Amino acid sequence: ILQALGVALPIPLLPGDTNNPEGYFERSDITALQEELLIDLQRWWPSEAGLQPLPEGWLGTPRAQRAAICLRRLLKVDMAEQQGAWAIKDPRTSLLLPLWRQVADELKLPLRLLLATRDPGEVVVSLVGRDGSPAGMTQERAEALWLRHHHQLLVDGIGLPLQVVSYSAWFSNADTQLEALAGFCRSIDVDRASLECARSCIRPEHRRSNRDFGKLRLSSQTRRLQRKLEQAVAQSQDQSLRHWALQEPLPSP
């Protein structure tokens, strides 16, 4: 959808597979860099400490500063090659945003955050179905991961422009969300053909976990954040969402 709206996604991108036939749209070099850093910090998501906050002072560690050097090098290449706006997708960025802010400040590169959120129940069903056996994924762990990634981005992203888009809204209110997204990306000259192309990217047949997630019982904190996210989508504003994140810290895992 971003590409149809004129926002580039520089390669190399991870290819599709049986879990995501259309592809992941994640930069393989960025993903590898951030995955390695989280492993070095002992916060890799399959590990026992994967749900805990990053260690105090992690950004100043030699491992993080080596990652900053690598990230700076990759972004400088993009800055030289891209003529307009471009986007980099990787869920790990939600946990490592201070690293991006440091490097972006050094490069005088403006950051804008696009938070693509999905019903936590649907995420739980998807993660347990995909990673239950290989990674020991449980409902409790999947729900905690959803909370951690959303909450950390909202806290660390204070002061940055933020747009929230809803996964389910693509199937119920696509036109309104497309217009809001195009405005956020500053694609003010998007024509009808581009919007139609973006709309054609919505593939309901790949939404495989929406049949069972309504039966799950999720924590009150998860549901509160979900409501705040839904309000941010409906009202195209995020003040109450960020206020919630600052006022309601996550419980210790």
Protein backbone atom coordinates (compact mmCIF):
# COMPACT_ATOMS: atom_id res chain seq x y z
CA ILE A 1 0.00 0.00 0.00
CA LEU A 2 2.82 2.41 0.86
CA GLN A 3 4.52 1.68 -2.45
CA ALA A 4 1.28 2.39 -4.33
CA LEU A 5 1.10 5.74 -2.50
CA GLY A 6 4.58 6.66 -3.70
CA VAL A 7 6.61 5.65 -0.64
CA ALA A 8 9.57 3.45 -1.56
CA LEU A 9 10.63 0.35 0.37
CA PRO A 10 14.34 -0.05 -0.42
CA ILE A 11 15.62 -3.57 -0.99
CA PRO A 12 16.70 -6.19 0.01
CA LEU A 13 13.29 -7.35 1.28
CA LEU A 14 12.55 -10.67 2.91
CA PRO A 15 10.71 -12.97 0.46
CA GLY A 16 7.25 -14.41 1.03
CA ASP A 17 6.55 -17.88 2.41
CA THR A 18 3.57 -19.98 3.45
CA ASN A 19 2.90 -17.68 6.43
CA ASN A 20 3.00 -14.48 4.35
CA PRO A 21 2.54 -15.28 0.64
CA GLU A 22 2.75 -11.63 -0.43
CA GLY A 23 6.03 -11.18 1.41
CA TYR A 24 7.08 -9.60 4.71
CA PHE A 25 8.20 -6.23 3.25
CA GLU A 26 10.95 -6.18 5.87
CA ARG A 27 14.51 -5.16 5.00
CA SER A 28 16.64 -8.27 5.44
CA ASP A 29 19.76 -6.27 6.35
CA ILE A 30 17.90 -4.13 8.92
CA THR A 31 16.13 -7.17 10.35
CA ALA A 32 19.42 -9.05 10.73
CA LEU A 33 21.07 -6.02 12.38
CA GLN A 34 18.29 -5.53 14.92
CA GLU A 35 17.86 -9.23 15.60
CA GLU A 36 21.57 -9.54 16.36
CA LEU A 37 21.46 -6.55 18.71
CA LEU A 38 18.47 -7.92 20.63
CA ILE A 39 20.26 -11.27 20.97
CA ASP A 40 23.39 -9.49 22.22
CA LEU A 41 21.25 -7.61 24.76
CA GLN A 42 19.66 -10.92 25.81
CA ARG A 43 16.21 -9.70 24.78
CA TRP A 44 15.55 -11.95 21.77
CA TRP A 45 11.82 -12.66 21.71
CA PRO A 46 12.04 -16.50 21.99
CA SER A 47 14.32 -16.23 25.05
CA GLU A 48 13.11 -16.15 28.66
CA ALA A 49 14.15 -12.50 29.00
CA GLY A 50 12.55 -11.53 25.70
CA LEU A 51 9.57 -9.91 27.42
CA GLN A 52 11.63 -7.77 29.78
CA PRO A 53 12.53 -4.12 29.08
CA LEU A 54 15.92 -3.53 27.51
CA PRO A 55 18.76 -3.26 30.04
CA GLU A 56 19.37 0.11 31.66
CA GLY A 57 21.80 2.17 29.58
CA TRP A 58 21.70 -0.27 26.65
CA LEU A 59 22.08 2.47 24.05
CA GLY A 60 25.54 3.34 25.35
CA THR A 61 26.88 -0.21 25.25
CA PRO A 62 29.57 -1.16 22.69
CA ARG A 63 27.14 -3.58 21.04
CA ALA A 64 24.53 -0.87 20.51
CA GLN A 65 27.07 1.62 19.26
CA ARG A 66 28.38 -0.91 16.74
CA ALA A 67 24.79 -1.36 15.58
CA ALA A 68 24.49 2.44 15.30
CA ILE A 69 27.53 2.55 13.01
CA CYS A 70 26.01 -0.14 10.78
CA LEU A 71 22.59 1.52 10.73
CA ARG A 72 24.15 4.88 9.90
CA ARG A 73 25.97 3.35 6.96
CA LEU A 74 22.80 1.73 5.59
CA LEU A 75 20.71 4.89 5.94
CA LYS A 76 23.35 7.05 4.26
CA VAL A 77 23.11 4.81 1.21
CA ASP A 78 19.33 5.19 1.19
CA MET A 79 19.60 8.97 1.55
CA ALA A 80 21.81 9.09 -1.53
CA GLU A 81 19.60 6.81 -3.61
CA GLN A 82 16.03 7.78 -2.69
CA GLN A 83 14.46 10.81 -4.33
CA GLY A 84 11.35 10.96 -2.17
CA ALA A 85 10.04 9.47 1.05
CA TRP A 86 10.94 5.91 1.88
CA ALA A 87 9.92 3.49 4.61
CA ILE A 88 11.60 0.69 6.55
CA LYS A 89 9.44 -1.94 8.20
CA ASP A 90 10.63 -4.15 11.02
CA PRO A 91 8.65 -4.89 14.21
CA ARG A 92 11.93 -4.93 16.15
CA THR A 93 12.19 -1.18 15.61
CA SER A 94 9.42 -0.80 18.19
CA LEU A 95 11.90 -1.92 20.86
CA LEU A 96 14.96 -0.13 19.48
CA LEU A 97 13.58 3.30 18.61
CA PRO A 98 16.16 5.23 20.72
CA LEU A 99 18.84 3.81 18.40
CA TRP A 100 16.99 5.13 15.36
CA ARG A 101 16.47 8.52 16.94
CA GLN A 102 20.18 8.82 17.70
CA VAL A 103 21.25 7.91 14.18
CA ALA A 104 18.53 10.02 12.53
CA ASP A 105 19.59 13.05 14.58
CA GLU A 106 23.19 12.57 13.49
CA LEU A 107 22.12 12.36 9.83
CA LYS A 108 19.52 15.15 10.16
CA LEU A 109 16.98 12.66 8.86
CA PRO A 110 13.35 13.33 9.88
CA LEU A 111 11.56 10.32 11.34
CA ARG A 112 7.83 9.62 11.08
CA LEU A 113 6.26 6.61 12.81
CA LEU A 114 3.64 4.45 11.18
CA LEU A 115 2.14 2.03 13.69
CA ALA A 116 0.22 -0.73 11.92
CA THR A 117 -1.78 -2.34 14.70
CA ARG A 118 -3.83 -5.51 14.71
CA ASP A 119 -6.40 -6.88 17.13
CA PRO A 120 -4.39 -8.53 19.94
CA GLY A 121 -6.62 -11.60 19.85
CA GLU A 122 -5.91 -12.04 16.17
CA VAL A 123 -2.20 -11.63 16.81
CA VAL A 124 -2.31 -14.25 19.56
CA VAL A 125 -4.02 -16.79 17.30
CA SER A 126 -1.53 -16.08 14.51
CA LEU A 127 1.58 -16.34 16.69
CA VAL A 128 0.48 -19.44 18.56
CA GLY A 129 -0.47 -21.12 15.31
CA ARG A 130 2.86 -20.27 13.70
CA ASP A 131 5.30 -20.52 16.62
CA GLY A 132 3.57 -22.81 19.12
CA SER A 133 5.78 -25.83 18.49
CA PRO A 134 9.07 -24.33 17.23
CA ALA A 135 9.28 -21.50 19.80
CA GLY A 136 7.00 -22.64 22.61
CA MET A 137 4.63 -19.75 21.96
CA THR A 138 1.66 -19.52 24.32
CA GLN A 139 -1.31 -17.17 24.52
CA GLU A 140 0.19 -15.38 27.53
CA ARG A 141 3.53 -14.88 25.80
CA ALA A 142 1.98 -13.71 22.52
CA GLU A 143 -0.24 -11.21 24.35
CA ALA A 144 2.73 -9.90 26.35
CA LEU A 145 4.74 -9.44 23.14
CA TRP A 146 1.88 -7.44 21.61
CA LEU A 147 1.76 -5.19 24.66
CA ARG A 148 5.52 -4.75 24.89
CA HIS A 149 6.00 -3.74 21.26
CA HIS A 150 3.14 -1.24 21.23
CA HIS A 151 3.87 0.27 24.63
CA GLN A 152 7.62 0.70 24.04
CA LEU A 153 7.11 2.48 20.72
CA LEU A 154 4.56 4.88 22.20
CA VAL A 155 6.86 5.80 25.10
CA ASP A 156 10.09 6.07 23.09
CA GLY A 157 8.36 7.84 20.19
CA ILE A 158 7.19 10.86 22.17
CA GLY A 159 7.72 13.97 20.04
CA LEU A 160 7.74 12.16 16.70
CA PRO A 161 4.86 12.34 14.19
CA LEU A 162 2.75 9.20 14.55
CA GLN A 163 0.01 7.67 12.43
CA VAL A 164 -1.88 4.57 13.56
CA VAL A 165 -3.49 2.31 10.98
CA SER A 166 -5.70 -0.64 11.82
CA TYR A 167 -5.31 -4.02 10.15
CA SER A 168 -9.03 -4.75 10.44
CA ALA A 169 -9.96 -1.33 9.03
CA TRP A 170 -8.47 -2.34 5.68
CA PHE A 171 -11.39 -4.77 5.38
CA SER A 172 -14.12 -2.46 6.69
CA ASN A 173 -13.17 1.17 6.06
CA ALA A 174 -10.33 1.12 3.54
CA ASP A 175 -11.05 4.41 1.76
CA THR A 176 -10.96 6.54 4.90
CA GLN A 177 -7.78 4.87 6.10
CA LEU A 178 -6.13 5.24 2.68
CA GLU A 179 -6.81 8.96 2.65
CA ALA A 180 -5.44 9.40 6.16
CA LEU A 181 -2.34 7.38 5.32
CA ALA A 182 -1.73 9.30 2.10
CA GLY A 183 -1.95 12.57 4.03
CA PHE A 184 0.46 11.37 6.69
CA CYS A 185 2.94 10.30 4.03
CA ARG A 186 2.53 13.74 2.44
CA SER A 187 1.40 12.09 -0.78
CA ILE A 188 -0.97 14.96 -1.48
CA ASP A 189 -0.74 14.44 -5.22
CA VAL A 190 -1.90 10.83 -5.14
CA ASP A 191 -4.33 10.35 -8.01
CA ARG A 192 -7.32 8.04 -8.27
CA ALA A 193 -5.28 5.43 -10.14
CA SER A 194 -2.76 5.26 -7.30
CA LEU A 195 -5.52 4.95 -4.72
CA GLU A 196 -7.13 2.16 -6.72
CA CYS A 197 -3.75 0.43 -6.95
CA ALA A 198 -3.33 0.77 -3.18
CA ARG A 199 -6.82 -0.60 -2.59
CA SER A 200 -6.05 -3.61 -4.78
CA CYS A 201 -3.24 -4.57 -2.38
CA ILE A 202 -5.82 -5.51 0.28
CA ARG A 203 -6.13 -9.30 0.15
CA PRO A 204 -8.84 -10.62 2.52
CA GLU A 205 -8.03 -14.22 1.57
CA HIS A 206 -4.76 -13.99 3.50
CA ARG A 207 -6.54 -13.05 6.74
CA ARG A 208 -6.59 -16.52 8.19
CA SER A 209 -6.77 -15.95 11.96
CA ASN A 210 -9.91 -13.81 12.19
CA ARG A 211 -12.27 -16.73 12.75
CA ASP A 212 -11.16 -17.76 16.26
CA PHE A 213 -9.68 -14.77 18.03
CA GLY A 214 -13.00 -13.45 19.34
CA LYS A 215 -13.19 -16.32 21.81
CA LEU A 216 -9.99 -15.37 23.66
CA ARG A 217 -9.99 -13.76 27.10
CA LEU A 218 -7.34 -11.06 27.18
CA SER A 219 -6.10 -8.93 30.06
CA SER A 220 -7.80 -5.65 30.94
CA GLN A 221 -4.59 -3.74 30.15
CA THR A 222 -4.45 -5.26 26.67
CA ARG A 223 -8.06 -4.32 26.02
CA ARG A 224 -7.50 -0.77 27.29
CA LEU A 225 -4.61 -0.25 24.90
CA GLN A 226 -6.64 -1.78 22.09
CA ARG A 227 -9.43 0.75 22.73
CA LYS A 228 -6.92 3.61 22.75
CA LEU A 229 -5.50 2.43 19.43
CA GLU A 230 -8.96 2.18 17.90
CA GLN A 231 -9.72 5.73 19.06
CA ALA A 232 -6.48 6.98 17.52
CA VAL A 233 -7.47 5.40 14.19
CA ALA A 234 -11.04 6.74 14.26
CA GLN A 235 -10.09 10.26 15.35
CA SER A 236 -6.75 10.56 13.52
CA GLN A 237 -5.10 11.77 16.72
CA ASP A 238 -2.90 10.12 19.30
CA GLN A 239 -2.82 12.39 22.35
CA SER A 240 -4.78 10.08 24.66
CA LEU A 241 -2.88 7.09 23.30
CA ARG A 242 0.52 8.51 24.24
CA HIS A 243 -0.81 9.78 27.56
CA TRP A 244 -2.02 6.26 28.36
CA ALA A 245 1.40 4.79 27.61
CA LEU A 246 3.15 7.27 29.88
CA GLN A 247 0.68 6.87 32.75
CA GLU A 248 0.29 3.08 32.68
CA PRO A 249 3.60 1.18 32.73
CA LEU A 250 3.62 -2.48 31.89
CA PRO A 251 3.75 -5.02 34.73
CA SER A 252 6.95 -6.96 35.21
CA PRO A 253 6.90 -10.23 33.20
